[in-house]
Amino acid sequence: MPAVTIRNLPERTHRALKVRAAHNGRSTEAEIRRILEDAVSPDAATGLGSQLAALGRRFGGIELNIARDSRPAEPPDFL
């Protein structure tokens, strides 16, 4: 299995990783693996709309009752 060495990691970052790992019940190494896996997983590539919706939920958001227009879209007329 490949190994990665990270040099010149700031002490503050290392401490934060250790705290985060302890909070999640993992070793620091396991926490770093999880962070890296999450960063490159296909699920991490969410669309802009999903990101905006999550941001709205995070800050309390508002409820918009907008009904979709069920009529078929008309093709554009460029003439």
PDB file of N, CA and C in Angstrom:
ATOM      1  N   MET A   1       0.848  -1.174   0.000  1.00  0.00           N
ATOM      2  CA  MET A   1       0.000   0.000   0.000  1.00  0.00           C
ATOM      3  C   MET A   1       0.896   1.241   0.000  1.00  0.00           C
ATOM      4  N   PRO A   2       0.580   2.238  -0.844  1.00  0.00           N
ATOM      5  CA  PRO A   2       1.404   3.444  -0.909  1.00  0.00           C
ATOM      6  C   PRO A   2       1.398   4.219   0.406  1.00  0.00           C
ATOM      7  N   ALA A   3       2.484   4.934   0.634  1.00  0.00           N
ATOM      8  CA  ALA A   3       2.611   5.790   1.815  1.00  0.00           C
ATOM      9  C   ALA A   3       2.938   7.203   1.355  1.00  0.00           C
ATOM     10  N   VAL A   4       2.461   8.182   2.097  1.00  0.00           N
ATOM     11  CA  VAL A   4       2.697   9.586   1.787  1.00  0.00           C
ATOM     12  C   VAL A   4       3.292  10.247   3.018  1.00  0.00           C
ATOM     13  N   THR A   5       4.322  11.052   2.812  1.00  0.00           N
ATOM     14  CA  THR A   5       4.916  11.826   3.889  1.00  0.00           C
ATOM     15  C   THR A   5       4.605  13.291   3.644  1.00  0.00           C
ATOM     16  N   ILE A   6       4.121  13.959   4.649  1.00  0.00           N
ATOM     17  CA  ILE A   6       3.817  15.383   4.537  1.00  0.00           C
ATOM     18  C   ILE A   6       4.835  16.135   5.382  1.00  0.00           C
ATOM     19  N   ARG A   7       5.631  16.940   4.704  1.00  0.00           N
ATOM     20  CA  ARG A   7       6.662  17.707   5.397  1.00  0.00           C
ATOM     21  C   ARG A   7       6.171  19.125   5.663  1.00  0.00           C
ATOM     22  N   ASN A   8       6.785  19.740   6.654  1.00  0.00           N
ATOM     23  CA  ASN A   8       6.525  21.147   6.994  1.00  0.00           C
ATOM     24  C   ASN A   8       5.058  21.430   7.321  1.00  0.00           C
ATOM     25  N   LEU A   9       4.406  20.474   7.959  1.00  0.00           N
ATOM     26  CA  LEU A   9       3.034  20.675   8.410  1.00  0.00           C
ATOM     27  C   LEU A   9       3.060  21.583   9.641  1.00  0.00           C
ATOM     28  N   PRO A  10       2.354  22.687   9.607  1.00  0.00           N
ATOM     29  CA  PRO A  10       2.367  23.581  10.769  1.00  0.00           C
ATOM     30  C   PRO A  10       1.861  22.869  12.032  1.00  0.00           C
ATOM     31  N   GLU A  11       2.475  23.192  13.155  1.00  0.00           N
ATOM     32  CA  GLU A  11       2.093  22.580  14.435  1.00  0.00           C
ATOM     33  C   GLU A  11       0.610  22.787  14.713  1.00  0.00           C
ATOM     34  N   ARG A  12       0.115  23.965  14.392  1.00  0.00           N
ATOM     35  CA  ARG A  12      -1.314  24.274  14.629  1.00  0.00           C
ATOM     36  C   ARG A  12      -2.217  23.323  13.836  1.00  0.00           C
ATOM     37  N   THR A  13      -1.835  23.037  12.592  1.00  0.00           N
ATOM     38  CA  THR A  13      -2.613  22.117  11.758  1.00  0.00           C
ATOM     39  C   THR A  13      -2.551  20.702  12.319  1.00  0.00           C
ATOM     40  N   HIS A  14      -1.370  20.284  12.753  1.00  0.00           N
ATOM     41  CA  HIS A  14      -1.221  18.946  13.324  1.00  0.00           C
ATOM     42  C   HIS A  14      -2.074  18.797  14.584  1.00  0.00           C
ATOM     43  N   ARG A  15      -2.049  19.817  15.430  1.00  0.00           N
ATOM     44  CA  ARG A  15      -2.871  19.794  16.647  1.00  0.00           C
ATOM     45  C   ARG A  15      -4.352  19.698  16.299  1.00  0.00           C
ATOM     46  N   ALA A  16      -4.788  20.484  15.309  1.00  0.00           N
ATOM     47  CA  ALA A  16      -6.197  20.472  14.901  1.00  0.00           C
ATOM     48  C   ALA A  16      -6.594  19.100  14.354  1.00  0.00           C
ATOM     49  N   LEU A  17      -5.699  18.464  13.606  1.00  0.00           N
ATOM     50  CA  LEU A  17      -5.980  17.120  13.105  1.00  0.00           C
ATOM     51  C   LEU A  17      -6.110  16.116  14.247  1.00  0.00           C
ATOM     52  N   LYS A  18      -5.230  16.232  15.248  1.00  0.00           N
ATOM     53  CA  LYS A  18      -5.299  15.333  16.403  1.00  0.00           C
ATOM     54  C   LYS A  18      -6.616  15.506  17.163  1.00  0.00           C
ATOM     55  N   VAL A  19      -7.043  16.759  17.336  1.00  0.00           N
ATOM     56  CA  VAL A  19      -8.303  17.028  18.037  1.00  0.00           C
ATOM     57  C   VAL A  19      -9.478  16.481  17.236  1.00  0.00           C
ATOM     58  N   ARG A  20      -9.465  16.750  15.926  1.00  0.00           N
ATOM     59  CA  ARG A  20     -10.539  16.256  15.068  1.00  0.00           C
ATOM     60  C   ARG A  20     -10.608  14.730  15.084  1.00  0.00           C
ATOM     61  N   ALA A  21      -9.437  14.077  15.045  1.00  0.00           N
ATOM     62  CA  ALA A  21      -9.386  12.619  15.084  1.00  0.00           C
ATOM     63  C   ALA A  21      -9.969  12.090  16.391  1.00  0.00           C
ATOM     64  N   ALA A  22      -9.577  12.694  17.493  1.00  0.00           N
ATOM     65  CA  ALA A  22     -10.092  12.262  18.795  1.00  0.00           C
ATOM     66  C   ALA A  22     -11.604  12.454  18.863  1.00  0.00           C
ATOM     67  N   HIS A  23     -12.077  13.556  18.337  1.00  0.00           N
ATOM     68  CA  HIS A  23     -13.522  13.840  18.334  1.00  0.00           C
ATOM     69  C   HIS A  23     -14.281  12.776  17.542  1.00  0.00           C
ATOM     70  N   ASN A  24     -13.655  12.265  16.478  1.00  0.00           N
ATOM     71  CA  ASN A  24     -14.302  11.262  15.628  1.00  0.00           C
ATOM     72  C   ASN A  24     -13.930   9.829  16.005  1.00  0.00           C
ATOM     73  N   GLY A  25     -13.174   9.654  17.101  1.00  0.00           N
ATOM     74  CA  GLY A  25     -12.826   8.320  17.580  1.00  0.00           C
ATOM     75  C   GLY A  25     -11.853   7.577  16.673  1.00  0.00           C
ATOM     76  N   ARG A  26     -10.970   8.321  16.002  1.00  0.00           N
ATOM     77  CA  ARG A  26     -10.004   7.708  15.099  1.00  0.00           C
ATOM     78  C   ARG A  26      -8.598   8.151  15.481  1.00  0.00           C
ATOM     79  N   SER A  27      -7.618   7.420  14.964  1.00  0.00           N
ATOM     80  CA  SER A  27      -6.237   7.867  15.112  1.00  0.00           C
ATOM     81  C   SER A  27      -6.029   9.053  14.171  1.00  0.00           C
ATOM     82  N   THR A  28      -4.966   9.796  14.407  1.00  0.00           N
ATOM     83  CA  THR A  28      -4.670  10.933  13.536  1.00  0.00           C
ATOM     84  C   THR A  28      -4.445  10.450  12.108  1.00  0.00           C
ATOM     85  N   GLU A  29      -3.741   9.354  11.953  1.00  0.00           N
ATOM     86  CA  GLU A  29      -3.488   8.806  10.619  1.00  0.00           C
ATOM     87  C   GLU A  29      -4.792   8.404   9.929  1.00  0.00           C
ATOM     88  N   ALA A  30      -5.685   7.747  10.665  1.00  0.00           N
ATOM     89  CA  ALA A  30      -6.974   7.349  10.088  1.00  0.00           C
ATOM     90  C   ALA A  30      -7.807   8.580   9.720  1.00  0.00           C
ATOM     91  N   GLU A  31      -7.726   9.617  10.528  1.00  0.00           N
ATOM     92  CA  GLU A  31      -8.475  10.848  10.242  1.00  0.00           C
ATOM     93  C   GLU A  31      -7.958  11.500   8.960  1.00  0.00           C
ATOM     94  N   ILE A  32      -6.644  11.540   8.789  1.00  0.00           N
ATOM     95  CA  ILE A  32      -6.059  12.119   7.580  1.00  0.00           C
ATOM     96  C   ILE A  32      -6.468  11.300   6.354  1.00  0.00           C
ATOM     97  N   ARG A  33      -6.459   9.960   6.493  1.00  0.00           N
ATOM     98  CA  ARG A  33      -6.920   9.106   5.389  1.00  0.00           C
ATOM     99  C   ARG A  33      -8.357   9.424   5.023  1.00  0.00           C
ATOM    100  N   ARG A  34      -9.213   9.581   6.036  1.00  0.00           N
ATOM    101  CA  ARG A  34     -10.627   9.878   5.791  1.00  0.00           C
ATOM    102  C   ARG A  34     -10.786  11.222   5.083  1.00  0.00           C
ATOM    103  N   ILE A  35     -10.057  12.229   5.532  1.00  0.00           N
ATOM    104  CA  ILE A  35     -10.124  13.555   4.913  1.00  0.00           C
ATOM    105  C   ILE A  35      -9.720  13.463   3.444  1.00  0.00           C
ATOM    106  N   LEU A  36      -8.628  12.756   3.164  1.00  0.00           N
ATOM    107  CA  LEU A  36      -8.167  12.623   1.781  1.00  0.00           C
ATOM    108  C   LEU A  36      -9.157  11.836   0.932  1.00  0.00           C
ATOM    109  N   GLU A  37      -9.703  10.754   1.469  1.00  0.00           N
ATOM    110  CA  GLU A  37     -10.685   9.962   0.731  1.00  0.00           C
ATOM    111  C   GLU A  37     -11.927  10.787   0.423  1.00  0.00           C
ATOM    112  N   ASP A  38     -12.400  11.541   1.406  1.00  0.00           N
ATOM    113  CA  ASP A  38     -13.582  12.381   1.186  1.00  0.00           C
ATOM    114  C   ASP A  38     -13.320  13.461   0.139  1.00  0.00           C
ATOM    115  N   ALA A  39     -12.104  13.979   0.136  1.00  0.00           N
ATOM    116  CA  ALA A  39     -11.772  15.066  -0.789  1.00  0.00           C
ATOM    117  C   ALA A  39     -11.767  14.605  -2.242  1.00  0.00           C
ATOM    118  N   VAL A  40     -11.434  13.353  -2.491  1.00  0.00           N
ATOM    119  CA  VAL A  40     -11.328  12.887  -3.872  1.00  0.00           C
ATOM    120  C   VAL A  40     -12.455  11.947  -4.290  1.00  0.00           C
ATOM    121  N   SER A  41     -13.406  11.700  -3.407  1.00  0.00           N
ATOM    122  CA  SER A  41     -14.503  10.794  -3.754  1.00  0.00           C
ATOM    123  C   SER A  41     -15.446  11.478  -4.746  1.00  0.00           C
ATOM    124  N   PRO A  42     -16.090  10.693  -5.607  1.00  0.00           N
ATOM    125  CA  PRO A  42     -17.045  11.277  -6.562  1.00  0.00           C
ATOM    126  C   PRO A  42     -18.173  12.036  -5.874  1.00  0.00           C
ATOM    127  N   ASP A  43     -18.548  11.629  -4.671  1.00  0.00           N
ATOM    128  CA  ASP A  43     -19.616  12.309  -3.950  1.00  0.00           C
ATOM    129  C   ASP A  43     -19.224  13.731  -3.573  1.00  0.00           C
ATOM    130  N   ALA A  44     -17.919  14.003  -3.510  1.00  0.00           N
ATOM    131  CA  ALA A  44     -17.463  15.342  -3.148  1.00  0.00           C
ATOM    132  C   ALA A  44     -17.726  16.345  -4.260  1.00  0.00           C
ATOM    133  N   ALA A  45     -17.944  15.839  -5.460  1.00  0.00           N
ATOM    134  CA  ALA A  45     -18.174  16.720  -6.600  1.00  0.00           C
ATOM    135  C   ALA A  45     -19.664  17.010  -6.751  1.00  0.00           C
ATOM    136  N   THR A  46     -20.227  17.723  -5.801  1.00  0.00           N
ATOM    137  CA  THR A  46     -21.641  18.068  -5.878  1.00  0.00           C
ATOM    138  C   THR A  46     -21.832  19.280  -6.763  1.00  0.00           C
ATOM    139  N   GLY A  47     -23.018  19.400  -7.301  1.00  0.00           N
ATOM    140  CA  GLY A  47     -23.317  20.507  -8.190  1.00  0.00           C
ATOM    141  C   GLY A  47     -23.505  21.814  -7.443  1.00  0.00           C
ATOM    142  N   LEU A  48     -23.505  22.889  -8.199  1.00  0.00           N
ATOM    143  CA  LEU A  48     -23.646  24.218  -7.621  1.00  0.00           C
ATOM    144  C   LEU A  48     -24.976  24.362  -6.881  1.00  0.00           C
ATOM    145  N   GLY A  49     -26.046  23.867  -7.460  1.00  0.00           N
ATOM    146  CA  GLY A  49     -27.356  23.968  -6.820  1.00  0.00           C
ATOM    147  C   GLY A  49     -27.382  23.267  -5.469  1.00  0.00           C
ATOM    148  N   SER A  50     -26.792  22.083  -5.399  1.00  0.00           N
ATOM    149  CA  SER A  50     -26.738  21.344  -4.139  1.00  0.00           C
ATOM    150  C   SER A  50     -25.908  22.082  -3.103  1.00  0.00           C
ATOM    151  N   GLN A  51     -24.807  22.690  -3.546  1.00  0.00           N
ATOM    152  CA  GLN A  51     -23.960  23.447  -2.628  1.00  0.00           C
ATOM    153  C   GLN A  51     -24.692  24.675  -2.101  1.00  0.00           C
ATOM    154  N   LEU A  52     -25.415  25.362  -2.975  1.00  0.00           N
ATOM    155  CA  LEU A  52     -26.171  26.540  -2.536  1.00  0.00           C
ATOM    156  C   LEU A  52     -27.290  26.153  -1.569  1.00  0.00           C
ATOM    157  N   ALA A  53     -27.970  25.038  -1.851  1.00  0.00           N
ATOM    158  CA  ALA A  53     -29.029  24.580  -0.953  1.00  0.00           C
ATOM    159  C   ALA A  53     -28.458  24.237   0.423  1.00  0.00           C
ATOM    160  N   ALA A  54     -27.304  23.571   0.446  1.00  0.00           N
ATOM    161  CA  ALA A  54     -26.663  23.222   1.719  1.00  0.00           C
ATOM    162  C   ALA A  54     -26.262  24.482   2.476  1.00  0.00           C
ATOM    163  N   LEU A  55     -25.756  25.463   1.764  1.00  0.00           N
ATOM    164  CA  LEU A  55     -25.383  26.725   2.396  1.00  0.00           C
ATOM    165  C   LEU A  55     -26.602  27.410   2.996  1.00  0.00           C
ATOM    166  N   GLY A  56     -27.706  27.407   2.267  1.00  0.00           N
ATOM    167  CA  GLY A  56     -28.946  27.995   2.778  1.00  0.00           C
ATOM    168  C   GLY A  56     -29.431  27.292   4.037  1.00  0.00           C
ATOM    169  N   ARG A  57     -29.380  25.945   4.030  1.00  0.00           N
ATOM    170  CA  ARG A  57     -29.791  25.188   5.225  1.00  0.00           C
ATOM    171  C   ARG A  57     -28.890  25.515   6.404  1.00  0.00           C
ATOM    172  N   ARG A  58     -27.607  25.674   6.130  1.00  0.00           N
ATOM    173  CA  ARG A  58     -26.639  25.954   7.205  1.00  0.00           C
ATOM    174  C   ARG A  58     -26.952  27.268   7.913  1.00  0.00           C
ATOM    175  N   PHE A  59     -27.449  28.238   7.177  1.00  0.00           N
ATOM    176  CA  PHE A  59     -27.739  29.547   7.760  1.00  0.00           C
ATOM    177  C   PHE A  59     -29.226  29.767   8.021  1.00  0.00           C
ATOM    178  N   GLY A  60     -29.982  28.708   8.095  1.00  0.00           N
ATOM    179  CA  GLY A  60     -31.395  28.826   8.435  1.00  0.00           C
ATOM    180  C   GLY A  60     -32.298  28.904   7.230  1.00  0.00           C
ATOM    181  N   GLY A  61     -31.828  29.486   6.148  1.00  0.00           N
ATOM    182  CA  GLY A  61     -32.551  29.514   4.882  1.00  0.00           C
ATOM    183  C   GLY A  61     -33.945  30.111   4.962  1.00  0.00           C
ATOM    184  N   ILE A  62     -34.577  30.131   3.839  1.00  0.00           N
ATOM    185  CA  ILE A  62     -35.975  30.541   3.732  1.00  0.00           C
ATOM    186  C   ILE A  62     -36.690  29.536   2.849  1.00  0.00           C
ATOM    187  N   GLU A  63     -37.963  29.458   2.985  1.00  0.00           N
ATOM    188  CA  GLU A  63     -38.751  28.523   2.196  1.00  0.00           C
ATOM    189  C   GLU A  63     -39.388  29.269   1.038  1.00  0.00           C
ATOM    190  N   LEU A  64     -39.083  28.853  -0.162  1.00  0.00           N
ATOM    191  CA  LEU A  64     -39.697  29.429  -1.355  1.00  0.00           C
ATOM    192  C   LEU A  64     -40.650  28.402  -1.952  1.00  0.00           C
ATOM    193  N   ASN A  65     -41.882  28.781  -2.130  1.00  0.00           N
ATOM    194  CA  ASN A  65     -42.863  27.887  -2.742  1.00  0.00           C
ATOM    195  C   ASN A  65     -43.009  28.282  -4.206  1.00  0.00           C
ATOM    196  N   ILE A  66     -42.134  27.759  -5.015  1.00  0.00           N
ATOM    197  CA  ILE A  66     -42.143  28.055  -6.438  1.00  0.00           C
ATOM    198  C   ILE A  66     -42.562  26.795  -7.178  1.00  0.00           C
ATOM    199  N   ALA A  67     -43.677  26.896  -7.874  1.00  0.00           N
ATOM    200  CA  ALA A  67     -44.158  25.743  -8.636  1.00  0.00           C
ATOM    201  C   ALA A  67     -43.471  25.726  -9.998  1.00  0.00           C
ATOM    202  N   ARG A  68     -43.079  24.550 -10.422  1.00  0.00           N
ATOM    203  CA  ARG A  68     -42.468  24.420 -11.745  1.00  0.00           C
ATOM    204  C   ARG A  68     -43.553  24.528 -12.807  1.00  0.00           C
ATOM    205  N   ASP A  69     -43.195  25.142 -13.905  1.00  0.00           N
ATOM    206  CA  ASP A  69     -44.091  25.228 -15.049  1.00  0.00           C
ATOM    207  C   ASP A  69     -44.069  23.875 -15.749  1.00  0.00           C
ATOM    208  N   SER A  70     -45.187  23.187 -15.775  1.00  0.00           N
ATOM    209  CA  SER A  70     -45.223  21.832 -16.328  1.00  0.00           C
ATOM    210  C   SER A  70     -45.394  21.814 -17.844  1.00  0.00           C
ATOM    211  N   ARG A  71     -45.580  22.991 -18.451  1.00  0.00           N
ATOM    212  CA  ARG A  71     -45.728  23.028 -19.908  1.00  0.00           C
ATOM    213  C   ARG A  71     -44.383  22.711 -20.559  1.00  0.00           C
ATOM    214  N   PRO A  72     -44.408  22.044 -21.718  1.00  0.00           N
ATOM    215  CA  PRO A  72     -43.147  21.792 -22.420  1.00  0.00           C
ATOM    216  C   PRO A  72     -42.509  23.105 -22.858  1.00  0.00           C
ATOM    217  N   ALA A  73     -41.201  23.143 -22.836  1.00  0.00           N
ATOM    218  CA  ALA A  73     -40.488  24.336 -23.259  1.00  0.00           C
ATOM    219  C   ALA A  73     -40.612  24.515 -24.762  1.00  0.00           C
ATOM    220  N   GLU A  74     -40.785  25.742 -25.179  1.00  0.00           N
ATOM    221  CA  GLU A  74     -40.848  26.055 -26.604  1.00  0.00           C
ATOM    222  C   GLU A  74     -39.429  26.221 -27.137  1.00  0.00           C
ATOM    223  N   PRO A  75     -39.167  25.709 -28.325  1.00  0.00           N
ATOM    224  CA  PRO A  75     -37.830  25.899 -28.881  1.00  0.00           C
ATOM    225  C   PRO A  75     -37.608  27.366 -29.225  1.00  0.00           C
ATOM    226  N   PRO A  76     -36.368  27.832 -29.125  1.00  0.00           N
ATOM    227  CA  PRO A  76     -36.116  29.235 -29.436  1.00  0.00           C
ATOM    228  C   PRO A  76     -36.277  29.535 -30.919  1.00  0.00           C
ATOM    229  N   ASP A  77     -36.696  30.730 -31.233  1.00  0.00           N
ATOM    230  CA  ASP A  77     -36.861  31.165 -32.611  1.00  0.00           C
ATOM    231  C   ASP A  77     -35.843  32.279 -32.872  1.00  0.00           C
ATOM    232  N   PHE A  78     -34.796  31.956 -33.619  1.00  0.00           N
ATOM    233  CA  PHE A  78     -33.724  32.911 -33.850  1.00  0.00           C
ATOM    234  C   PHE A  78     -33.914  33.725 -35.128  1.00  0.00           C
ATOM    235  N   LEU A  79     -35.052  33.571 -35.780  1.00  0.00           N
ATOM    236  CA  LEU A  79     -35.283  34.316 -37.021  1.00  0.00           C
ATOM    237  C   LEU A  79     -35.952  35.625 -36.795  1.00  0.00           C
TER     238      LEU A  79
END
